[in-house]
All heavy atoms as atom14 arrays in JSON, in Angstrom:
{
  "sequence": "VSVIGPSGSGKTTLLNIVGGLDEATAGSVRVGDTEVSA",
  "atom14_mask": [
    [1, 1, 1, 1, 1, 1, 1, 0, 0, 0, 0, 0, 0, 0],
    [1, 1, 1, 1, 1, 1, 0, 0, 0, 0, 0, 0, 0, 0],
    [1, 1, 1, 1, 1, 1, 1, 0, 0, 0, 0, 0, 0, 0],
    [1, 1, 1, 1, 1, 1, 1, 1, 0, 0, 0, 0, 0, 0],
    [1, 1, 1, 1, 0, 0, 0, 0, 0, 0, 0, 0, 0, 0],
    [1, 1, 1, 1, 1, 1, 1, 0, 0, 0, 0, 0, 0, 0],
    [1, 1, 1, 1, 1, 1, 0, 0, 0, 0, 0, 0, 0, 0],
    [1, 1, 1, 1, 0, 0, 0, 0, 0, 0, 0, 0, 0, 0],
    [1, 1, 1, 1, 1, 1, 0, 0, 0, 0, 0, 0, 0, 0],
    [1, 1, 1, 1, 0, 0, 0, 0, 0, 0, 0, 0, 0, 0],
    [1, 1, 1, 1, 1, 1, 1, 1, 1, 0, 0, 0, 0, 0],
    [1, 1, 1, 1, 1, 1, 1, 0, 0, 0, 0, 0, 0, 0],
    [1, 1, 1, 1, 1, 1, 1, 0, 0, 0, 0, 0, 0, 0],
    [1, 1, 1, 1, 1, 1, 1, 1, 0, 0, 0, 0, 0, 0],
    [1, 1, 1, 1, 1, 1, 1, 1, 0, 0, 0, 0, 0, 0],
    [1, 1, 1, 1, 1, 1, 1, 1, 0, 0, 0, 0, 0, 0],
    [1, 1, 1, 1, 1, 1, 1, 1, 0, 0, 0, 0, 0, 0],
    [1, 1, 1, 1, 1, 1, 1, 0, 0, 0, 0, 0, 0, 0],
    [1, 1, 1, 1, 0, 0, 0, 0, 0, 0, 0, 0, 0, 0],
    [1, 1, 1, 1, 0, 0, 0, 0, 0, 0, 0, 0, 0, 0],
    [1, 1, 1, 1, 1, 1, 1, 1, 0, 0, 0, 0, 0, 0],
    [1, 1, 1, 1, 1, 1, 1, 1, 0, 0, 0, 0, 0, 0],
    [1, 1, 1, 1, 1, 1, 1, 1, 1, 0, 0, 0, 0, 0],
    [1, 1, 1, 1, 1, 0, 0, 0, 0, 0, 0, 0, 0, 0],
    [1, 1, 1, 1, 1, 1, 1, 0, 0, 0, 0, 0, 0, 0],
    [1, 1, 1, 1, 1, 0, 0, 0, 0, 0, 0, 0, 0, 0],
    [1, 1, 1, 1, 0, 0, 0, 0, 0, 0, 0, 0, 0, 0],
    [1, 1, 1, 1, 1, 1, 0, 0, 0, 0, 0, 0, 0, 0],
    [1, 1, 1, 1, 1, 1, 1, 0, 0, 0, 0, 0, 0, 0],
    [1, 1, 1, 1, 1, 1, 1, 1, 1, 1, 1, 0, 0, 0],
    [1, 1, 1, 1, 1, 1, 1, 0, 0, 0, 0, 0, 0, 0],
    [1, 1, 1, 1, 0, 0, 0, 0, 0, 0, 0, 0, 0, 0],
    [1, 1, 1, 1, 1, 1, 1, 1, 0, 0, 0, 0, 0, 0],
    [1, 1, 1, 1, 1, 1, 1, 0, 0, 0, 0, 0, 0, 0],
    [1, 1, 1, 1, 1, 1, 1, 1, 1, 0, 0, 0, 0, 0],
    [1, 1, 1, 1, 1, 1, 1, 0, 0, 0, 0, 0, 0, 0],
    [1, 1, 1, 1, 1, 1, 0, 0, 0, 0, 0, 0, 0, 0],
    [1, 1, 1, 1, 1, 0, 0, 0, 0, 0, 0, 0, 0, 0]
  ],
  "atom14_positions": [
    [[46.15, 39.79, 36.66], [45.77, 41.07, 36.06], [44.47, 41.56, 36.67], [43.51, 40.79, 36.81], [45.61, 40.92, 34.52], [44.94, 42.14, 33.91], [46.96, 40.68, 33.87], [0.0, 0.0, 0.0], [0.0, 0.0, 0.0], [0.0, 0.0, 0.0], [0.0, 0.0, 0.0], [0.0, 0.0, 0.0], [0.0, 0.0, 0.0], [0.0, 0.0, 0.0]],
    [[44.44, 42.83, 37.04], [43.2, 43.47, 37.48], [42.61, 44.26, 36.32], [43.35, 44.87, 35.54], [43.47, 44.43, 38.65], [43.86, 43.74, 39.8], [0.0, 0.0, 0.0], [0.0, 0.0, 0.0], [0.0, 0.0, 0.0], [0.0, 0.0, 0.0], [0.0, 0.0, 0.0], [0.0, 0.0, 0.0], [0.0, 0.0, 0.0], [0.0, 0.0, 0.0]],
    [[41.3, 44.25, 36.22], [40.59, 45.02, 35.2], [39.71, 46.03, 35.92], [38.85, 45.66, 36.72], [39.72, 44.12, 34.3], [39.0, 44.95, 33.25], [40.59, 43.06, 33.62], [0.0, 0.0, 0.0], [0.0, 0.0, 0.0], [0.0, 0.0, 0.0], [0.0, 0.0, 0.0], [0.0, 0.0, 0.0], [0.0, 0.0, 0.0], [0.0, 0.0, 0.0]],
    [[39.96, 47.32, 35.66], [39.19, 48.38, 36.31], [38.5, 49.22, 35.24], [38.84, 49.15, 34.06], [40.09, 49.27, 37.19], [41.16, 49.97, 36.34], [40.74, 48.46, 38.29], [41.98, 50.99, 37.12], [0.0, 0.0, 0.0], [0.0, 0.0, 0.0], [0.0, 0.0, 0.0], [0.0, 0.0, 0.0], [0.0, 0.0, 0.0], [0.0, 0.0, 0.0]],
    [[37.55, 50.02, 35.68], [36.84, 50.89, 34.75], [35.46, 51.21, 35.29], [34.97, 50.53, 36.2], [0.0, 0.0, 0.0], [0.0, 0.0, 0.0], [0.0, 0.0, 0.0], [0.0, 0.0, 0.0], [0.0, 0.0, 0.0], [0.0, 0.0, 0.0], [0.0, 0.0, 0.0], [0.0, 0.0, 0.0], [0.0, 0.0, 0.0], [0.0, 0.0, 0.0]],
    [[34.82, 52.24, 34.76], [33.5, 52.64, 35.25], [32.44, 51.59, 34.97], [32.62, 50.69, 34.14], [33.22, 53.94, 34.48], [34.08, 53.86, 33.27], [35.31, 53.11, 33.67], [0.0, 0.0, 0.0], [0.0, 0.0, 0.0], [0.0, 0.0, 0.0], [0.0, 0.0, 0.0], [0.0, 0.0, 0.0], [0.0, 0.0, 0.0], [0.0, 0.0, 0.0]],
    [[31.31, 51.7, 35.67], [30.19, 50.79, 35.42], [29.76, 50.89, 33.96], [29.7, 51.97, 33.39], [29.02, 51.14, 36.34], [29.38, 50.98, 37.69], [0.0, 0.0, 0.0], [0.0, 0.0, 0.0], [0.0, 0.0, 0.0], [0.0, 0.0, 0.0], [0.0, 0.0, 0.0], [0.0, 0.0, 0.0], [0.0, 0.0, 0.0], [0.0, 0.0, 0.0]],
    [[29.48, 49.72, 33.36], [29.02, 49.71, 31.98], [30.12, 49.8, 30.94], [29.86, 49.93, 29.75], [0.0, 0.0, 0.0], [0.0, 0.0, 0.0], [0.0, 0.0, 0.0], [0.0, 0.0, 0.0], [0.0, 0.0, 0.0], [0.0, 0.0, 0.0], [0.0, 0.0, 0.0], [0.0, 0.0, 0.0], [0.0, 0.0, 0.0], [0.0, 0.0, 0.0]],
    [[31.38, 49.7, 31.38], [32.5, 49.85, 30.44], [32.83, 48.57, 29.7], [33.6, 48.59, 28.74], [33.75, 50.36, 31.18], [34.12, 49.47, 32.22], [0.0, 0.0, 0.0], [0.0, 0.0, 0.0], [0.0, 0.0, 0.0], [0.0, 0.0, 0.0], [0.0, 0.0, 0.0], [0.0, 0.0, 0.0], [0.0, 0.0, 0.0], [0.0, 0.0, 0.0]],
    [[32.27, 47.42, 30.14], [32.51, 46.17, 29.44], [33.34, 45.15, 30.2], [33.71, 44.11, 29.66], [0.0, 0.0, 0.0], [0.0, 0.0, 0.0], [0.0, 0.0, 0.0], [0.0, 0.0, 0.0], [0.0, 0.0, 0.0], [0.0, 0.0, 0.0], [0.0, 0.0, 0.0], [0.0, 0.0, 0.0], [0.0, 0.0, 0.0], [0.0, 0.0, 0.0]],
    [[33.63, 45.43, 31.47], [34.52, 44.56, 32.26], [33.95, 43.14, 32.4], [34.62, 42.15, 32.1], [34.75, 45.16, 33.65], [35.33, 46.56, 33.65], [35.66, 47.04, 35.05], [34.45, 47.1, 35.96], [33.42, 48.08, 35.52], [0.0, 0.0, 0.0], [0.0, 0.0, 0.0], [0.0, 0.0, 0.0], [0.0, 0.0, 0.0], [0.0, 0.0, 0.0]],
    [[32.73, 43.04, 32.88], [32.12, 41.73, 33.1], [31.86, 41.02, 31.77], [32.03, 39.79, 31.67], [30.81, 41.87, 33.9], [31.11, 42.37, 35.21], [30.09, 40.53, 34.03], [0.0, 0.0, 0.0], [0.0, 0.0, 0.0], [0.0, 0.0, 0.0], [0.0, 0.0, 0.0], [0.0, 0.0, 0.0], [0.0, 0.0, 0.0], [0.0, 0.0, 0.0]],
    [[31.48, 41.76, 30.74], [31.27, 41.16, 29.41], [32.56, 40.51, 28.93], [32.55, 39.39, 28.41], [30.82, 42.23, 28.41], [29.59, 42.8, 28.84], [30.64, 41.64, 27.02], [0.0, 0.0, 0.0], [0.0, 0.0, 0.0], [0.0, 0.0, 0.0], [0.0, 0.0, 0.0], [0.0, 0.0, 0.0], [0.0, 0.0, 0.0], [0.0, 0.0, 0.0]],
    [[33.69, 41.19, 29.1], [34.98, 40.63, 28.71], [35.25, 39.34, 29.46], [35.63, 38.32, 28.85], [36.09, 41.65, 29.01], [37.53, 41.14, 28.87], [37.83, 40.74, 27.44], [38.51, 42.21, 29.36], [0.0, 0.0, 0.0], [0.0, 0.0, 0.0], [0.0, 0.0, 0.0], [0.0, 0.0, 0.0], [0.0, 0.0, 0.0], [0.0, 0.0, 0.0]],
    [[35.04, 39.34, 30.76], [35.28, 38.16, 31.58], [34.4, 36.99, 31.13], [34.86, 35.85, 31.02], [35.0, 38.49, 33.06], [36.02, 38.03, 34.09], [37.39, 38.6, 33.78], [35.58, 38.44, 35.49], [0.0, 0.0, 0.0], [0.0, 0.0, 0.0], [0.0, 0.0, 0.0], [0.0, 0.0, 0.0], [0.0, 0.0, 0.0], [0.0, 0.0, 0.0]],
    [[33.14, 37.27, 30.86], [32.2, 36.22, 30.46], [32.56, 35.6, 29.12], [32.39, 34.39, 28.92], [30.78, 36.77, 30.41], [30.2, 37.02, 31.79], [30.71, 36.51, 32.79], [29.14, 37.8, 31.86], [0.0, 0.0, 0.0], [0.0, 0.0, 0.0], [0.0, 0.0, 0.0], [0.0, 0.0, 0.0], [0.0, 0.0, 0.0], [0.0, 0.0, 0.0]],
    [[33.06, 36.41, 28.2], [33.45, 35.87, 26.88], [34.72, 35.04, 26.99], [34.82, 33.94, 26.44], [33.61, 37.01, 25.85], [32.25, 37.66, 25.57], [34.21, 36.48, 24.55], [32.31, 38.87, 24.67], [0.0, 0.0, 0.0], [0.0, 0.0, 0.0], [0.0, 0.0, 0.0], [0.0, 0.0, 0.0], [0.0, 0.0, 0.0], [0.0, 0.0, 0.0]],
    [[35.7, 35.54, 27.75], [36.94, 34.77, 27.95], [36.63, 33.44, 28.63], [37.21, 32.4, 28.3], [37.95, 35.58, 28.79], [39.14, 34.7, 29.2], [38.46, 36.79, 28.01], [0.0, 0.0, 0.0], [0.0, 0.0, 0.0], [0.0, 0.0, 0.0], [0.0, 0.0, 0.0], [0.0, 0.0, 0.0], [0.0, 0.0, 0.0], [0.0, 0.0, 0.0]],
    [[35.68, 33.46, 29.57], [35.34, 32.26, 30.32], [34.34, 31.34, 29.66], [33.93, 30.32, 30.24], [0.0, 0.0, 0.0], [0.0, 0.0, 0.0], [0.0, 0.0, 0.0], [0.0, 0.0, 0.0], [0.0, 0.0, 0.0], [0.0, 0.0, 0.0], [0.0, 0.0, 0.0], [0.0, 0.0, 0.0], [0.0, 0.0, 0.0], [0.0, 0.0, 0.0]],
    [[33.91, 31.68, 28.45], [32.99, 30.81, 27.72], [31.55, 30.87, 28.19], [30.75, 29.98, 27.88], [0.0, 0.0, 0.0], [0.0, 0.0, 0.0], [0.0, 0.0, 0.0], [0.0, 0.0, 0.0], [0.0, 0.0, 0.0], [0.0, 0.0, 0.0], [0.0, 0.0, 0.0], [0.0, 0.0, 0.0], [0.0, 0.0, 0.0], [0.0, 0.0, 0.0]],
    [[31.19, 31.92, 28.93], [29.81, 32.09, 29.39], [28.98, 32.92, 28.42], [27.75, 32.96, 28.52], [29.79, 32.76, 30.77], [30.38, 31.96, 31.93], [30.42, 32.81, 33.19], [29.58, 30.68, 32.17], [0.0, 0.0, 0.0], [0.0, 0.0, 0.0], [0.0, 0.0, 0.0], [0.0, 0.0, 0.0], [0.0, 0.0, 0.0], [0.0, 0.0, 0.0]],
    [[29.64, 33.61, 27.52], [28.96, 34.45, 26.53], [29.72, 34.35, 25.21], [30.91, 33.98, 25.2], [28.91, 35.91, 27.02], [27.83, 36.73, 26.33], [27.17, 36.19, 25.42], [27.66, 37.9, 26.71], [0.0, 0.0, 0.0], [0.0, 0.0, 0.0], [0.0, 0.0, 0.0], [0.0, 0.0, 0.0], [0.0, 0.0, 0.0], [0.0, 0.0, 0.0]],
    [[29.05, 34.68, 24.12], [29.68, 34.59, 22.81], [30.0, 35.98, 22.27], [29.21, 36.91, 22.45], [28.76, 33.87, 21.82], [28.52, 32.41, 22.15], [27.65, 31.72, 21.11], [27.39, 32.35, 20.06], [27.24, 30.59, 21.35], [0.0, 0.0, 0.0], [0.0, 0.0, 0.0], [0.0, 0.0, 0.0], [0.0, 0.0, 0.0], [0.0, 0.0, 0.0]],
    [[31.13, 36.1, 21.62], [31.52, 37.37, 21.0], [30.73, 37.58, 19.72], [30.37, 36.62, 19.03], [33.01, 37.39, 20.71], [0.0, 0.0, 0.0], [0.0, 0.0, 0.0], [0.0, 0.0, 0.0], [0.0, 0.0, 0.0], [0.0, 0.0, 0.0], [0.0, 0.0, 0.0], [0.0, 0.0, 0.0], [0.0, 0.0, 0.0], [0.0, 0.0, 0.0]],
    [[30.51, 38.85, 19.38], [29.9, 39.18, 18.09], [30.94, 39.1, 16.98], [30.66, 38.67, 15.86], [29.28, 40.59, 18.13], [28.36, 40.66, 19.23], [28.57, 40.93, 16.84], [0.0, 0.0, 0.0], [0.0, 0.0, 0.0], [0.0, 0.0, 0.0], [0.0, 0.0, 0.0], [0.0, 0.0, 0.0], [0.0, 0.0, 0.0], [0.0, 0.0, 0.0]],
    [[32.16, 39.52, 17.31], [33.28, 39.45, 16.36], [34.58, 39.43, 17.14], [34.62, 39.74, 18.33], [33.24, 40.64, 15.4], [0.0, 0.0, 0.0], [0.0, 0.0, 0.0], [0.0, 0.0, 0.0], [0.0, 0.0, 0.0], [0.0, 0.0, 0.0], [0.0, 0.0, 0.0], [0.0, 0.0, 0.0], [0.0, 0.0, 0.0], [0.0, 0.0, 0.0]],
    [[35.67, 39.06, 16.46], [36.97, 39.0, 17.12], [37.27, 37.6, 17.61], [36.51, 36.66, 17.37], [0.0, 0.0, 0.0], [0.0, 0.0, 0.0], [0.0, 0.0, 0.0], [0.0, 0.0, 0.0], [0.0, 0.0, 0.0], [0.0, 0.0, 0.0], [0.0, 0.0, 0.0], [0.0, 0.0, 0.0], [0.0, 0.0, 0.0], [0.0, 0.0, 0.0]],
    [[38.4, 37.44, 18.28], [38.82, 36.11, 18.71], [39.34, 36.13, 20.15], [39.86, 37.14, 20.63], [39.91, 35.57, 17.79], [41.11, 36.31, 17.92], [0.0, 0.0, 0.0], [0.0, 0.0, 0.0], [0.0, 0.0, 0.0], [0.0, 0.0, 0.0], [0.0, 0.0, 0.0], [0.0, 0.0, 0.0], [0.0, 0.0, 0.0], [0.0, 0.0, 0.0]],
    [[39.16, 34.99, 20.81], [39.69, 34.79, 22.16], [40.4, 33.44, 22.17], [39.8, 32.41, 21.86], [38.57, 34.78, 23.22], [39.14, 34.42, 24.59], [37.87, 36.11, 23.28], [0.0, 0.0, 0.0], [0.0, 0.0, 0.0], [0.0, 0.0, 0.0], [0.0, 0.0, 0.0], [0.0, 0.0, 0.0], [0.0, 0.0, 0.0], [0.0, 0.0, 0.0]],
    [[41.68, 33.47, 22.49], [42.44, 32.23, 22.61], [42.92, 32.07, 24.03], [43.53, 32.98, 24.6], [43.64, 32.25, 21.65], [44.49, 30.96, 21.73], [45.62, 30.96, 20.72], [46.46, 32.14, 20.81], [47.39, 32.35, 21.74], [47.59, 31.44, 22.69], [48.1, 33.45, 21.73], [0.0, 0.0, 0.0], [0.0, 0.0, 0.0], [0.0, 0.0, 0.0]],
    [[42.64, 30.92, 24.64], [43.11, 30.6, 25.99], [44.0, 29.38, 25.87], [43.53, 28.27, 25.55], [41.93, 30.32, 26.94], [42.44, 29.91, 28.32], [41.03, 31.55, 27.06], [0.0, 0.0, 0.0], [0.0, 0.0, 0.0], [0.0, 0.0, 0.0], [0.0, 0.0, 0.0], [0.0, 0.0, 0.0], [0.0, 0.0, 0.0], [0.0, 0.0, 0.0]],
    [[45.3, 29.58, 26.05], [46.24, 28.51, 25.77], [46.2, 28.17, 24.3], [46.33, 29.04, 23.44], [0.0, 0.0, 0.0], [0.0, 0.0, 0.0], [0.0, 0.0, 0.0], [0.0, 0.0, 0.0], [0.0, 0.0, 0.0], [0.0, 0.0, 0.0], [0.0, 0.0, 0.0], [0.0, 0.0, 0.0], [0.0, 0.0, 0.0], [0.0, 0.0, 0.0]],
    [[45.97, 26.91, 23.98], [45.87, 26.47, 22.58], [44.42, 26.41, 22.1], [44.16, 25.98, 20.96], [46.5, 25.08, 22.41], [47.99, 25.09, 22.7], [48.65, 26.12, 22.41], [48.5, 24.07, 23.23], [0.0, 0.0, 0.0], [0.0, 0.0, 0.0], [0.0, 0.0, 0.0], [0.0, 0.0, 0.0], [0.0, 0.0, 0.0], [0.0, 0.0, 0.0]],
    [[43.48, 26.86, 22.94], [42.06, 26.75, 22.6], [41.51, 28.05, 22.05], [41.61, 29.11, 22.71], [41.24, 26.35, 23.85], [41.73, 25.12, 24.38], [39.77, 26.21, 23.51], [0.0, 0.0, 0.0], [0.0, 0.0, 0.0], [0.0, 0.0, 0.0], [0.0, 0.0, 0.0], [0.0, 0.0, 0.0], [0.0, 0.0, 0.0], [0.0, 0.0, 0.0]],
    [[40.95, 27.99, 20.87], [40.26, 29.14, 20.29], [38.83, 29.1, 20.8], [37.96, 28.39, 20.28], [40.28, 29.07, 18.76], [39.7, 30.3, 18.07], [40.51, 31.56, 18.33], [41.77, 31.48, 18.34], [39.89, 32.62, 18.53], [0.0, 0.0, 0.0], [0.0, 0.0, 0.0], [0.0, 0.0, 0.0], [0.0, 0.0, 0.0], [0.0, 0.0, 0.0]],
    [[38.57, 29.88, 21.86], [37.28, 29.82, 22.56], [36.12, 30.18, 21.64], [35.05, 29.57, 21.69], [37.29, 30.74, 23.8], [35.95, 30.67, 24.54], [38.43, 30.37, 24.73], [0.0, 0.0, 0.0], [0.0, 0.0, 0.0], [0.0, 0.0, 0.0], [0.0, 0.0, 0.0], [0.0, 0.0, 0.0], [0.0, 0.0, 0.0], [0.0, 0.0, 0.0]],
    [[36.35, 31.18, 20.8], [35.28, 31.66, 19.92], [34.87, 30.63, 18.86], [33.85, 30.78, 18.19], [35.7, 32.96, 19.23], [37.03, 32.9, 18.78], [0.0, 0.0, 0.0], [0.0, 0.0, 0.0], [0.0, 0.0, 0.0], [0.0, 0.0, 0.0], [0.0, 0.0, 0.0], [0.0, 0.0, 0.0], [0.0, 0.0, 0.0], [0.0, 0.0, 0.0]],
    [[35.65, 29.53, 18.73], [35.33, 28.51, 17.73], [34.68, 27.26, 18.34], [34.33, 26.33, 17.62], [36.6, 28.09, 16.99], [0.0, 0.0, 0.0], [0.0, 0.0, 0.0], [0.0, 0.0, 0.0], [0.0, 0.0, 0.0], [0.0, 0.0, 0.0], [0.0, 0.0, 0.0], [0.0, 0.0, 0.0], [0.0, 0.0, 0.0], [0.0, 0.0, 0.0]]
  ]
}
């Protein structure tokens, strides 16, 4: 999957949260059977 959008739209933030480099303020991210946000 490619993620496109203007600068400052949240692309890198999304990647960092999915990859466990940053923490979400709210919501959930599941990768396989792992609930990353937990």
